[in-house]
Amino acid sequence: MTVRLPESRLTKRSSLGQMVAQSTMLLMISIGLLILLLALLILFHQNANATKGYSLRTLERERHHLLLELETVNMEIARAQALTSLETDKQLEAMAEPRQTQYAPTDIDVAGRP
């Protein structure tokens, strides 16, 4: 005795198996795309960090050069303001001493009122 199942029942079973296979495939594709998306996000983030690091290193180098230049300029200013430099300055030596000195009266306020 063989029992024959109706065609619709066999079709349902095969379609259920196909649905499981399709859902498994869809799940695997979704997981793969999610992993690919996360990998791309990590790649872009690391690239942005590397770019920032390069910019930071360049700015630090520029800051170092500017600090050296500032120190050099400060040394030149100190050398120019040194007393020995002022004593040997030709322009200062060419100045004539005043013949007569006049001083402002001390009883006048700063605003000019007595």
N, C-alpha and C. Protein backbone atom coordinates (compact mmCIF):
# COMPACT_ATOMS: atom_id res chain seq x y z
N MET A 1 0.80 -1.15 0.00
CA MET A 1 0.00 0.00 0.00
C MET A 1 0.87 1.25 0.00
N THR A 2 0.73 1.93 -0.94
CA THR A 2 1.45 3.18 -1.01
C THR A 2 0.46 4.32 -0.84
N VAL A 3 0.93 5.23 -0.04
CA VAL A 3 0.07 6.39 0.22
C VAL A 3 0.55 7.52 -0.68
N ARG A 4 -0.41 8.00 -1.36
CA ARG A 4 -0.06 9.11 -2.24
C ARG A 4 -0.51 10.41 -1.59
N LEU A 5 0.43 11.30 -1.51
CA LEU A 5 0.10 12.62 -0.98
C LEU A 5 -0.31 13.51 -2.13
N PRO A 6 -1.19 14.39 -1.84
CA PRO A 6 -1.60 15.30 -2.92
C PRO A 6 -0.41 16.17 -3.36
N GLU A 7 -0.49 16.60 -4.58
CA GLU A 7 0.57 17.41 -5.18
C GLU A 7 0.82 18.69 -4.39
N SER A 8 -0.20 19.30 -3.86
CA SER A 8 -0.05 20.58 -3.17
C SER A 8 0.80 20.42 -1.92
N ARG A 9 0.69 19.26 -1.26
CA ARG A 9 1.49 19.04 -0.05
C ARG A 9 2.96 18.89 -0.40
N LEU A 10 3.29 18.24 -1.45
CA LEU A 10 4.68 18.09 -1.88
C LEU A 10 5.25 19.44 -2.32
N THR A 11 4.44 20.20 -2.96
CA THR A 11 4.87 21.51 -3.41
C THR A 11 5.17 22.41 -2.22
N LYS A 12 4.34 22.31 -1.18
CA LYS A 12 4.56 23.12 0.00
C LYS A 12 5.86 22.75 0.69
N ARG A 13 6.14 21.44 0.75
CA ARG A 13 7.37 21.02 1.40
C ARG A 13 8.59 21.47 0.61
N SER A 14 8.53 21.33 -0.67
CA SER A 14 9.68 21.76 -1.46
C SER A 14 9.80 23.28 -1.42
N SER A 15 8.72 23.98 -1.40
CA SER A 15 8.81 25.43 -1.34
C SER A 15 9.29 25.87 0.04
N LEU A 16 8.95 25.13 1.09
CA LEU A 16 9.44 25.45 2.42
C LEU A 16 10.95 25.25 2.48
N GLY A 17 11.45 24.20 1.88
CA GLY A 17 12.89 23.97 1.81
C GLY A 17 13.58 25.06 1.01
N GLN A 18 12.95 25.47 -0.06
CA GLN A 18 13.52 26.54 -0.87
C GLN A 18 13.54 27.85 -0.08
N MET A 19 12.46 28.09 0.68
CA MET A 19 12.40 29.31 1.48
C MET A 19 13.49 29.33 2.54
N VAL A 20 13.74 28.17 3.16
CA VAL A 20 14.81 28.09 4.16
C VAL A 20 16.16 28.32 3.49
N ALA A 21 16.35 27.73 2.34
CA ALA A 21 17.62 27.91 1.62
C ALA A 21 17.79 29.36 1.19
N GLN A 22 16.71 29.96 0.71
CA GLN A 22 16.78 31.35 0.29
C GLN A 22 17.02 32.29 1.47
N SER A 23 16.36 32.04 2.59
CA SER A 23 16.55 32.89 3.75
C SER A 23 17.96 32.74 4.31
N THR A 24 18.50 31.53 4.25
CA THR A 24 19.88 31.32 4.70
C THR A 24 20.85 32.08 3.78
N MET A 25 20.60 32.01 2.49
CA MET A 25 21.45 32.72 1.53
C MET A 25 21.32 34.23 1.74
N LEU A 26 20.11 34.70 1.95
CA LEU A 26 19.88 36.12 2.19
C LEU A 26 20.58 36.57 3.48
N LEU A 27 20.52 35.74 4.51
CA LEU A 27 21.20 36.06 5.77
C LEU A 27 22.71 36.12 5.57
N MET A 28 23.26 35.18 4.83
CA MET A 28 24.69 35.17 4.58
C MET A 28 25.12 36.41 3.77
N ILE A 29 24.34 36.77 2.76
CA ILE A 29 24.65 37.96 1.97
C ILE A 29 24.56 39.21 2.83
N SER A 30 23.55 39.29 3.67
CA SER A 30 23.39 40.46 4.56
C SER A 30 24.57 40.58 5.52
N ILE A 31 24.98 39.47 6.10
CA ILE A 31 26.12 39.47 7.02
C ILE A 31 27.39 39.87 6.27
N GLY A 32 27.58 39.35 5.07
CA GLY A 32 28.75 39.70 4.27
C GLY A 32 28.78 41.19 3.93
N LEU A 33 27.63 41.73 3.54
CA LEU A 33 27.57 43.16 3.24
C LEU A 33 27.82 44.00 4.48
N LEU A 34 27.32 43.57 5.62
CA LEU A 34 27.56 44.29 6.87
C LEU A 34 29.05 44.28 7.23
N ILE A 35 29.69 43.14 7.07
CA ILE A 35 31.14 43.05 7.33
C ILE A 35 31.90 43.94 6.37
N LEU A 36 31.52 43.95 5.10
CA LEU A 36 32.17 44.80 4.11
C LEU A 36 31.98 46.28 4.45
N LEU A 37 30.78 46.66 4.85
CA LEU A 37 30.51 48.04 5.24
C LEU A 37 31.35 48.45 6.46
N LEU A 38 31.42 47.59 7.45
CA LEU A 38 32.23 47.89 8.64
C LEU A 38 33.72 47.99 8.29
N ALA A 39 34.19 47.13 7.40
CA ALA A 39 35.59 47.19 6.99
C ALA A 39 35.88 48.50 6.28
N LEU A 40 34.96 48.96 5.42
CA LEU A 40 35.16 50.23 4.73
C LEU A 40 35.14 51.40 5.72
N LEU A 41 34.25 51.35 6.70
CA LEU A 41 34.21 52.42 7.71
C LEU A 41 35.51 52.46 8.50
N ILE A 42 36.04 51.31 8.87
CA ILE A 42 37.31 51.26 9.60
C ILE A 42 38.44 51.80 8.72
N LEU A 43 38.42 51.45 7.45
CA LEU A 43 39.45 51.94 6.52
C LEU A 43 39.42 53.46 6.41
N PHE A 44 38.22 54.03 6.25
CA PHE A 44 38.12 55.50 6.14
C PHE A 44 38.52 56.17 7.45
N HIS A 45 38.17 55.57 8.58
CA HIS A 45 38.53 56.15 9.87
C HIS A 45 40.05 56.14 10.06
N GLN A 46 40.69 55.04 9.73
CA GLN A 46 42.14 54.94 9.86
C GLN A 46 42.84 55.92 8.90
N ASN A 47 42.29 56.08 7.71
CA ASN A 47 42.85 57.03 6.76
C ASN A 47 42.75 58.46 7.30
N ALA A 48 41.62 58.80 7.90
CA ALA A 48 41.45 60.14 8.48
C ALA A 48 42.44 60.35 9.62
N ASN A 49 42.64 59.33 10.46
CA ASN A 49 43.60 59.45 11.56
C ASN A 49 45.03 59.61 11.05
N ALA A 50 45.37 58.88 10.01
CA ALA A 50 46.73 58.99 9.45
C ALA A 50 46.94 60.38 8.86
N THR A 51 45.93 60.93 8.20
CA THR A 51 46.03 62.26 7.63
C THR A 51 46.19 63.30 8.73
N LYS A 52 45.44 63.16 9.81
CA LYS A 52 45.55 64.09 10.93
C LYS A 52 46.94 63.99 11.57
N GLY A 53 47.45 62.79 11.69
CA GLY A 53 48.79 62.61 12.25
C GLY A 53 49.85 63.27 11.39
N TYR A 54 49.72 63.15 10.08
CA TYR A 54 50.67 63.78 9.18
C TYR A 54 50.59 65.30 9.31
N SER A 55 49.37 65.84 9.36
CA SER A 55 49.20 67.29 9.52
C SER A 55 49.77 67.76 10.85
N LEU A 56 49.54 66.99 11.89
CA LEU A 56 50.05 67.35 13.22
C LEU A 56 51.58 67.36 13.22
N ARG A 57 52.19 66.37 12.60
CA ARG A 57 53.65 66.30 12.53
C ARG A 57 54.21 67.49 11.74
N THR A 58 53.54 67.86 10.66
CA THR A 58 53.97 69.01 9.86
C THR A 58 53.86 70.30 10.68
N LEU A 59 52.76 70.46 11.41
CA LEU A 59 52.59 71.65 12.23
C LEU A 59 53.61 71.71 13.37
N GLU A 60 53.93 70.57 13.95
CA GLU A 60 54.94 70.54 15.01
C GLU A 60 56.31 70.95 14.46
N ARG A 61 56.64 70.48 13.26
CA ARG A 61 57.90 70.87 12.64
C ARG A 61 57.93 72.37 12.38
N GLU A 62 56.84 72.90 11.86
CA GLU A 62 56.76 74.34 11.60
C GLU A 62 56.86 75.14 12.90
N ARG A 63 56.23 74.67 13.97
CA ARG A 63 56.30 75.34 15.26
C ARG A 63 57.74 75.35 15.77
N HIS A 64 58.43 74.23 15.61
CA HIS A 64 59.82 74.14 16.06
C HIS A 64 60.69 75.16 15.30
N HIS A 65 60.49 75.26 13.99
CA HIS A 65 61.27 76.22 13.19
C HIS A 65 60.95 77.65 13.61
N LEU A 66 59.68 77.94 13.88
CA LEU A 66 59.30 79.29 14.30
C LEU A 66 59.88 79.63 15.67
N LEU A 67 59.92 78.65 16.57
CA LEU A 67 60.51 78.90 17.88
C LEU A 67 62.01 79.18 17.75
N LEU A 68 62.69 78.45 16.88
CA LEU A 68 64.12 78.72 16.65
C LEU A 68 64.32 80.11 16.06
N GLU A 69 63.45 80.48 15.13
CA GLU A 69 63.54 81.81 14.53
C GLU A 69 63.27 82.90 15.57
N LEU A 70 62.31 82.67 16.46
CA LEU A 70 62.03 83.63 17.53
C LEU A 70 63.22 83.78 18.45
N GLU A 71 63.86 82.68 18.78
CA GLU A 71 65.04 82.74 19.64
C GLU A 71 66.17 83.51 18.96
N THR A 72 66.35 83.31 17.67
CA THR A 72 67.37 84.03 16.92
C THR A 72 67.07 85.53 16.90
N VAL A 73 65.83 85.88 16.67
CA VAL A 73 65.44 87.30 16.64
C VAL A 73 65.63 87.92 18.02
N ASN A 74 65.28 87.20 19.08
CA ASN A 74 65.48 87.72 20.44
C ASN A 74 66.96 87.94 20.73
N MET A 75 67.81 87.05 20.25
CA MET A 75 69.25 87.24 20.44
C MET A 75 69.74 88.46 19.68
N GLU A 76 69.24 88.67 18.47
CA GLU A 76 69.64 89.85 17.70
C GLU A 76 69.15 91.13 18.38
N ILE A 77 67.96 91.11 18.95
CA ILE A 77 67.44 92.28 19.68
C ILE A 77 68.31 92.57 20.89
N ALA A 78 68.67 91.53 21.63
CA ALA A 78 69.52 91.72 22.81
C ALA A 78 70.88 92.26 22.41
N ARG A 79 71.41 91.77 21.30
CA ARG A 79 72.72 92.25 20.84
C ARG A 79 72.63 93.72 20.42
N ALA A 80 71.52 94.10 19.77
CA ALA A 80 71.36 95.49 19.34
C ALA A 80 71.15 96.42 20.52
N GLN A 81 70.54 95.93 21.59
CA GLN A 81 70.28 96.77 22.76
C GLN A 81 71.42 96.75 23.77
N ALA A 82 72.44 96.01 23.51
CA ALA A 82 73.56 95.93 24.44
C ALA A 82 74.28 97.27 24.51
N LEU A 83 74.81 97.56 25.68
CA LEU A 83 75.47 98.84 25.91
C LEU A 83 76.69 99.01 25.02
N THR A 84 77.44 97.96 24.80
CA THR A 84 78.63 98.08 23.93
C THR A 84 78.21 98.41 22.51
N SER A 85 77.07 97.90 22.09
CA SER A 85 76.59 98.21 20.74
C SER A 85 76.17 99.67 20.66
N LEU A 86 75.53 100.17 21.70
CA LEU A 86 75.12 101.57 21.71
C LEU A 86 76.32 102.51 21.79
N GLU A 87 77.35 102.11 22.50
CA GLU A 87 78.54 102.97 22.63
C GLU A 87 79.28 103.10 21.31
N THR A 88 79.28 102.08 20.50
CA THR A 88 80.03 102.10 19.24
C THR A 88 79.16 102.46 18.04
N ASP A 89 77.93 102.85 18.27
CA ASP A 89 77.03 103.17 17.16
C ASP A 89 77.45 104.50 16.52
N LYS A 90 77.69 104.52 15.24
CA LYS A 90 78.16 105.71 14.53
C LYS A 90 77.08 106.80 14.52
N GLN A 91 75.84 106.43 14.45
CA GLN A 91 74.77 107.42 14.42
C GLN A 91 74.67 108.14 15.77
N LEU A 92 74.86 107.38 16.85
CA LEU A 92 74.83 108.02 18.17
C LEU A 92 76.06 108.91 18.38
N GLU A 93 77.19 108.51 17.86
CA GLU A 93 78.41 109.32 17.98
C GLU A 93 78.29 110.62 17.20
N ALA A 94 77.52 110.62 16.13
CA ALA A 94 77.37 111.83 15.30
C ALA A 94 76.44 112.85 15.94
N MET A 95 75.70 112.49 16.96
CA MET A 95 74.78 113.43 17.61
C MET A 95 75.57 114.46 18.42
N ALA A 96 75.07 115.68 18.37
CA ALA A 96 75.73 116.76 19.12
C ALA A 96 75.03 116.94 20.46
N GLU A 97 75.82 117.35 21.45
CA GLU A 97 75.24 117.59 22.76
C GLU A 97 74.50 118.93 22.73
N PRO A 98 73.37 119.04 23.43
CA PRO A 98 72.64 120.32 23.42
C PRO A 98 73.43 121.40 24.15
N ARG A 99 73.37 122.64 23.65
CA ARG A 99 74.10 123.75 24.27
C ARG A 99 73.42 124.22 25.55
N GLN A 100 72.10 124.28 25.49
CA GLN A 100 71.39 124.77 26.65
C GLN A 100 70.22 123.83 26.91
N THR A 101 70.07 123.40 28.13
CA THR A 101 68.97 122.50 28.47
C THR A 101 67.88 123.28 29.19
N GLN A 102 66.66 122.98 28.88
CA GLN A 102 65.52 123.60 29.55
C GLN A 102 64.65 122.48 30.11
N TYR A 103 64.21 122.69 31.30
CA TYR A 103 63.36 121.70 31.96
C TYR A 103 61.97 122.28 32.14
N ALA A 104 60.96 121.46 32.13
CA ALA A 104 59.59 121.89 32.35
C ALA A 104 59.39 122.21 33.81
N PRO A 105 58.57 123.22 34.12
CA PRO A 105 58.33 123.55 35.52
C PRO A 105 57.66 122.39 36.24
N THR A 106 58.01 122.21 37.49
CA THR A 106 57.48 121.06 38.24
C THR A 106 56.16 121.35 38.91
N ASP A 107 55.72 122.61 38.95
CA ASP A 107 54.46 122.93 39.63
C ASP A 107 53.25 122.74 38.72
N ILE A 108 53.43 122.33 37.48
CA ILE A 108 52.30 122.12 36.57
C ILE A 108 51.94 120.64 36.59
N ASP A 109 50.60 120.39 36.68
CA ASP A 109 50.11 119.02 36.65
C ASP A 109 50.30 118.42 35.25
N VAL A 110 50.01 117.17 35.19
CA VAL A 110 50.16 116.47 33.92
C VAL A 110 49.18 117.02 32.90
N ALA A 111 47.99 117.42 33.35
CA ALA A 111 46.99 117.93 32.43
C ALA A 111 47.29 119.35 31.98
N GLY A 112 48.26 120.03 32.58
CA GLY A 112 48.65 121.35 32.14
C GLY A 112 48.07 122.47 32.99
N ARG A 113 47.30 122.16 34.00
CA ARG A 113 46.73 123.19 34.88
C ARG A 113 47.62 123.37 36.10
N PRO A 114 47.81 124.63 36.53
CA PRO A 114 48.62 124.84 37.75
C PRO A 114 47.92 124.39 39.01
